[in-house]
Amino acid sequence: MRELVLVRHSQPEIEPDRPAATWRLSELGRRRAESLAARLGHYRANVIWCSREPKAKETGEIIGHALGLPLRVRDGLEEHHRRNVPFIQSAQEFEQAVEEFLSRPARLVLGSETANQARDRFTAAIEAVLQADFEDVIVVTHGTVMALYLARIANVEPMSFWRELKTPCFVGVEIPRMRVGPIVGSGEASRSVGRTS
């Protein structure tokens, strides 16, 4: 059976003065990405797909290098657009903002796109990737859009799923049944702070 493997990027270096979309991996994040790569070796993928955000691209490069697979960047796989949101110091406040975003999907409550817009953009990018590649598909992306996508295709409760994500981790989705497997971490990841999405 074919699988879509959604990988949440590894731990970034938090830079409060810059948008999260520009953050790069920390040293710990690079090590965790290497550990996660070993857990992805049994998939029959031909390529690693990733978003343009540096933390996702670097995670994809590390995984691709470990597995001997090329990396392809795809527009639309990036995180929910929120470059206009100032850094939120408190993890609790960030989690509350994400919960409001996910629970009011048609309203613009965080950033510059609604949850529905982010979900539709991400879904279109995933569908294009699935049509371009007929083996297992590994996509390095971001937590919030993963939660929105899986809520649409597999009735996953988005906030509960988002809370379980670590940096890095992955989840497999059986195609075409859209059955979602367990979340798998690098083996050394602790619960991530949501604001790093």
Protein backbone atom coordinates (compact mmCIF):
# COMPACT_ATOMS: atom_id res chain seq x y z
CA MET A 1 0.00 0.00 0.00
CA ARG A 2 1.24 3.48 -0.87
CA GLU A 3 1.82 6.00 1.94
CA LEU A 4 1.95 9.74 2.27
CA VAL A 5 4.43 10.56 5.04
CA LEU A 6 3.98 14.01 6.58
CA VAL A 7 7.08 15.12 8.47
CA ARG A 8 7.06 18.05 10.84
CA HIS A 9 10.34 19.96 10.57
CA SER A 10 12.97 19.68 13.28
CA GLN A 11 13.70 22.08 16.17
CA PRO A 12 14.58 25.60 14.98
CA GLU A 13 16.77 28.23 16.56
CA ILE A 14 14.21 30.67 17.92
CA GLU A 15 14.89 34.26 16.86
CA PRO A 16 12.21 36.47 18.44
CA ASP A 17 13.08 39.46 16.23
CA ARG A 18 12.49 37.53 13.00
CA PRO A 19 9.35 35.82 11.62
CA ALA A 20 9.19 32.09 12.40
CA ALA A 21 9.00 31.44 8.65
CA THR A 22 12.66 32.53 8.38
CA TRP A 23 14.07 30.46 11.26
CA ARG A 24 16.78 27.86 10.61
CA LEU A 25 17.47 24.64 12.49
CA SER A 26 19.32 24.67 15.77
CA GLU A 27 22.19 22.27 16.42
CA LEU A 28 19.79 20.12 18.42
CA GLY A 29 17.36 20.28 15.52
CA ARG A 30 20.00 18.98 13.10
CA ARG A 31 20.77 16.04 15.40
CA ARG A 32 17.08 15.24 15.80
CA ALA A 33 16.55 15.34 12.02
CA GLU A 34 19.39 12.82 11.60
CA SER A 35 17.77 10.54 14.19
CA LEU A 36 14.38 10.83 12.50
CA ALA A 37 15.86 9.97 9.09
CA ALA A 38 16.71 6.46 10.33
CA ARG A 39 13.02 5.89 11.10
CA LEU A 40 12.00 6.84 7.54
CA GLY A 41 14.27 4.35 5.77
CA HIS A 42 11.63 1.66 5.23
CA TYR A 43 9.46 3.87 2.99
CA ARG A 44 9.83 3.44 -0.79
CA ALA A 45 10.24 7.08 -1.68
CA ASN A 46 12.07 8.48 -4.72
CA VAL A 47 12.39 12.05 -3.47
CA ILE A 48 11.90 14.23 -0.39
CA TRP A 49 9.43 17.10 -0.86
CA CYS A 50 9.53 20.16 1.40
CA SER A 51 8.27 23.68 1.93
CA ARG A 52 10.42 26.72 1.19
CA GLU A 53 10.81 27.64 4.85
CA PRO A 54 14.45 27.19 5.94
CA LYS A 55 13.69 24.92 8.89
CA ALA A 56 11.70 22.54 6.66
CA LYS A 57 14.22 22.70 3.84
CA GLU A 58 17.14 21.96 6.16
CA THR A 59 15.21 19.06 7.74
CA GLY A 60 14.51 17.72 4.24
CA GLU A 61 18.16 18.07 3.23
CA ILE A 62 19.30 16.07 6.26
CA ILE A 63 16.72 13.33 5.67
CA GLY A 64 17.43 13.26 1.93
CA HIS A 65 21.18 12.98 2.52
CA ALA A 66 20.70 10.13 5.01
CA LEU A 67 18.38 8.23 2.65
CA GLY A 68 20.21 9.07 -0.58
CA LEU A 69 17.19 10.90 -2.00
CA PRO A 70 17.01 14.25 -3.83
CA LEU A 71 15.12 17.18 -2.36
CA ARG A 72 12.36 19.09 -4.18
CA VAL A 73 10.86 22.31 -2.89
CA ARG A 74 7.13 22.82 -3.50
CA ASP A 75 5.14 26.02 -3.10
CA GLY A 76 2.05 25.66 -0.92
CA LEU A 77 3.61 23.34 1.67
CA GLU A 78 4.60 26.21 3.97
CA GLU A 79 3.08 26.89 7.37
CA HIS A 80 -0.05 28.95 7.94
CA HIS A 81 0.90 32.48 6.84
CA ARG A 82 1.56 34.57 9.94
CA ARG A 83 4.63 36.71 9.25
CA ASN A 84 2.62 39.71 10.45
CA VAL A 85 2.16 38.23 13.95
CA PRO A 86 4.70 39.45 16.53
CA PHE A 87 6.61 36.79 18.48
CA ILE A 88 4.51 35.41 21.33
CA GLN A 89 6.74 34.79 24.36
CA SER A 90 4.35 32.54 26.25
CA ALA A 91 3.80 29.01 24.97
CA GLN A 92 0.39 29.04 26.65
CA GLU A 93 -0.65 32.23 24.85
CA PHE A 94 0.55 30.83 21.55
CA GLU A 95 -1.39 27.61 22.11
CA GLN A 96 -4.53 29.65 22.85
CA ALA A 97 -4.03 31.62 19.62
CA VAL A 98 -3.66 28.40 17.63
CA GLU A 99 -6.76 26.94 19.29
CA GLU A 100 -8.79 29.99 18.30
CA PHE A 101 -7.38 29.78 14.76
CA LEU A 102 -8.33 26.10 14.43
CA SER A 103 -11.76 26.46 16.05
CA ARG A 104 -12.82 29.42 13.87
CA PRO A 105 -11.57 28.24 10.46
CA ALA A 106 -13.50 30.72 8.31
CA ARG A 107 -12.40 33.82 10.28
CA LEU A 108 -9.13 35.69 9.99
CA VAL A 109 -7.96 35.45 13.60
CA LEU A 110 -4.19 34.83 13.37
CA GLY A 111 -1.89 35.90 10.58
CA SER A 112 -2.85 36.75 7.02
CA GLU A 113 -4.89 33.68 6.01
CA THR A 114 -7.76 31.81 7.61
CA ALA A 115 -7.49 28.18 8.62
CA ASN A 116 -9.68 27.27 5.65
CA GLN A 117 -7.40 29.16 3.25
CA ALA A 118 -4.29 27.52 4.70
CA ARG A 119 -5.92 24.08 4.51
CA ASP A 120 -7.03 24.55 0.90
CA ARG A 121 -3.62 25.83 -0.19
CA PHE A 122 -1.82 22.96 1.53
CA THR A 123 -4.29 20.36 0.23
CA ALA A 124 -3.76 21.53 -3.36
CA ALA A 125 0.03 21.26 -2.92
CA ILE A 126 -0.26 17.74 -1.45
CA GLU A 127 -2.54 16.63 -4.29
CA ALA A 128 -0.02 17.93 -6.84
CA VAL A 129 2.81 16.06 -5.11
CA LEU A 130 0.78 12.84 -5.00
CA GLN A 131 0.09 13.12 -8.74
CA ALA A 132 3.76 13.74 -9.52
CA ASP A 133 5.11 10.76 -7.56
CA PHE A 134 3.66 7.24 -7.56
CA GLU A 135 5.79 5.71 -4.79
CA ASP A 136 5.55 6.54 -1.11
CA VAL A 137 5.69 10.32 -0.73
CA ILE A 138 7.67 12.02 2.06
CA VAL A 139 6.78 15.68 2.64
CA VAL A 140 8.61 17.88 5.18
CA THR A 141 6.22 20.57 6.34
CA HIS A 142 4.70 22.23 9.42
CA GLY A 143 2.44 21.38 12.33
CA THR A 144 -0.59 23.57 11.85
CA VAL A 145 -1.10 22.77 8.17
CA MET A 146 -0.58 19.06 8.91
CA ALA A 147 -3.37 19.25 11.51
CA LEU A 148 -5.69 21.12 9.14
CA TYR A 149 -5.08 18.67 6.30
CA LEU A 150 -5.60 15.55 8.43
CA ALA A 151 -8.77 17.05 9.90
CA ARG A 152 -10.11 17.33 6.35
CA ILE A 153 -9.09 13.93 4.96
CA ALA A 154 -9.30 11.71 8.04
CA ASN A 155 -11.53 13.43 10.61
CA VAL A 156 -8.59 14.02 12.95
CA GLU A 157 -9.42 16.53 15.70
CA PRO A 158 -6.94 19.29 14.72
CA MET A 159 -6.08 20.81 18.10
CA SER A 160 -5.53 17.45 19.80
CA PHE A 161 -3.33 16.32 16.92
CA TRP A 162 -1.37 19.61 16.89
CA ARG A 163 -0.68 19.28 20.63
CA GLU A 164 0.86 15.83 20.09
CA LEU A 165 3.35 16.96 17.46
CA LYS A 166 7.02 17.21 18.35
CA THR A 167 9.93 18.66 16.42
CA PRO A 168 10.63 16.58 14.46
CA CYS A 169 8.07 13.83 13.99
CA PHE A 170 6.10 12.18 11.22
CA VAL A 171 2.82 10.47 10.54
CA GLY A 172 2.00 8.05 7.74
CA VAL A 173 -1.27 8.16 5.82
CA GLU A 174 -2.34 5.11 3.82
CA ILE A 175 -3.35 6.01 0.26
CA PRO A 176 -6.15 5.81 -0.92
CA ARG A 177 -7.86 4.78 2.36
CA MET A 178 -6.57 7.91 4.15
CA ARG A 179 -6.02 5.98 7.35
CA VAL A 180 -3.65 7.85 9.65
CA GLY A 181 -0.96 5.98 11.57
CA PRO A 182 0.66 6.93 14.87
CA ILE A 183 2.89 9.95 15.32
CA VAL A 184 6.55 8.86 15.29
CA GLY A 185 9.29 11.04 16.81
CA SER A 186 13.05 11.03 16.47
CA GLY A 187 13.45 9.11 19.70
CA GLU A 188 15.03 12.08 21.47
CA ALA A 189 12.44 14.81 20.88
CA SER A 190 10.61 16.33 23.80
CA ARG A 191 7.28 18.10 23.43
CA SER A 192 7.84 21.11 21.26
CA VAL A 193 6.71 24.60 22.05
CA GLY A 194 3.87 25.37 19.63
CA ARG A 195 5.17 28.81 18.72
CA THR A 196 8.00 27.22 16.70
CA SER A 197 5.51 25.71 14.24
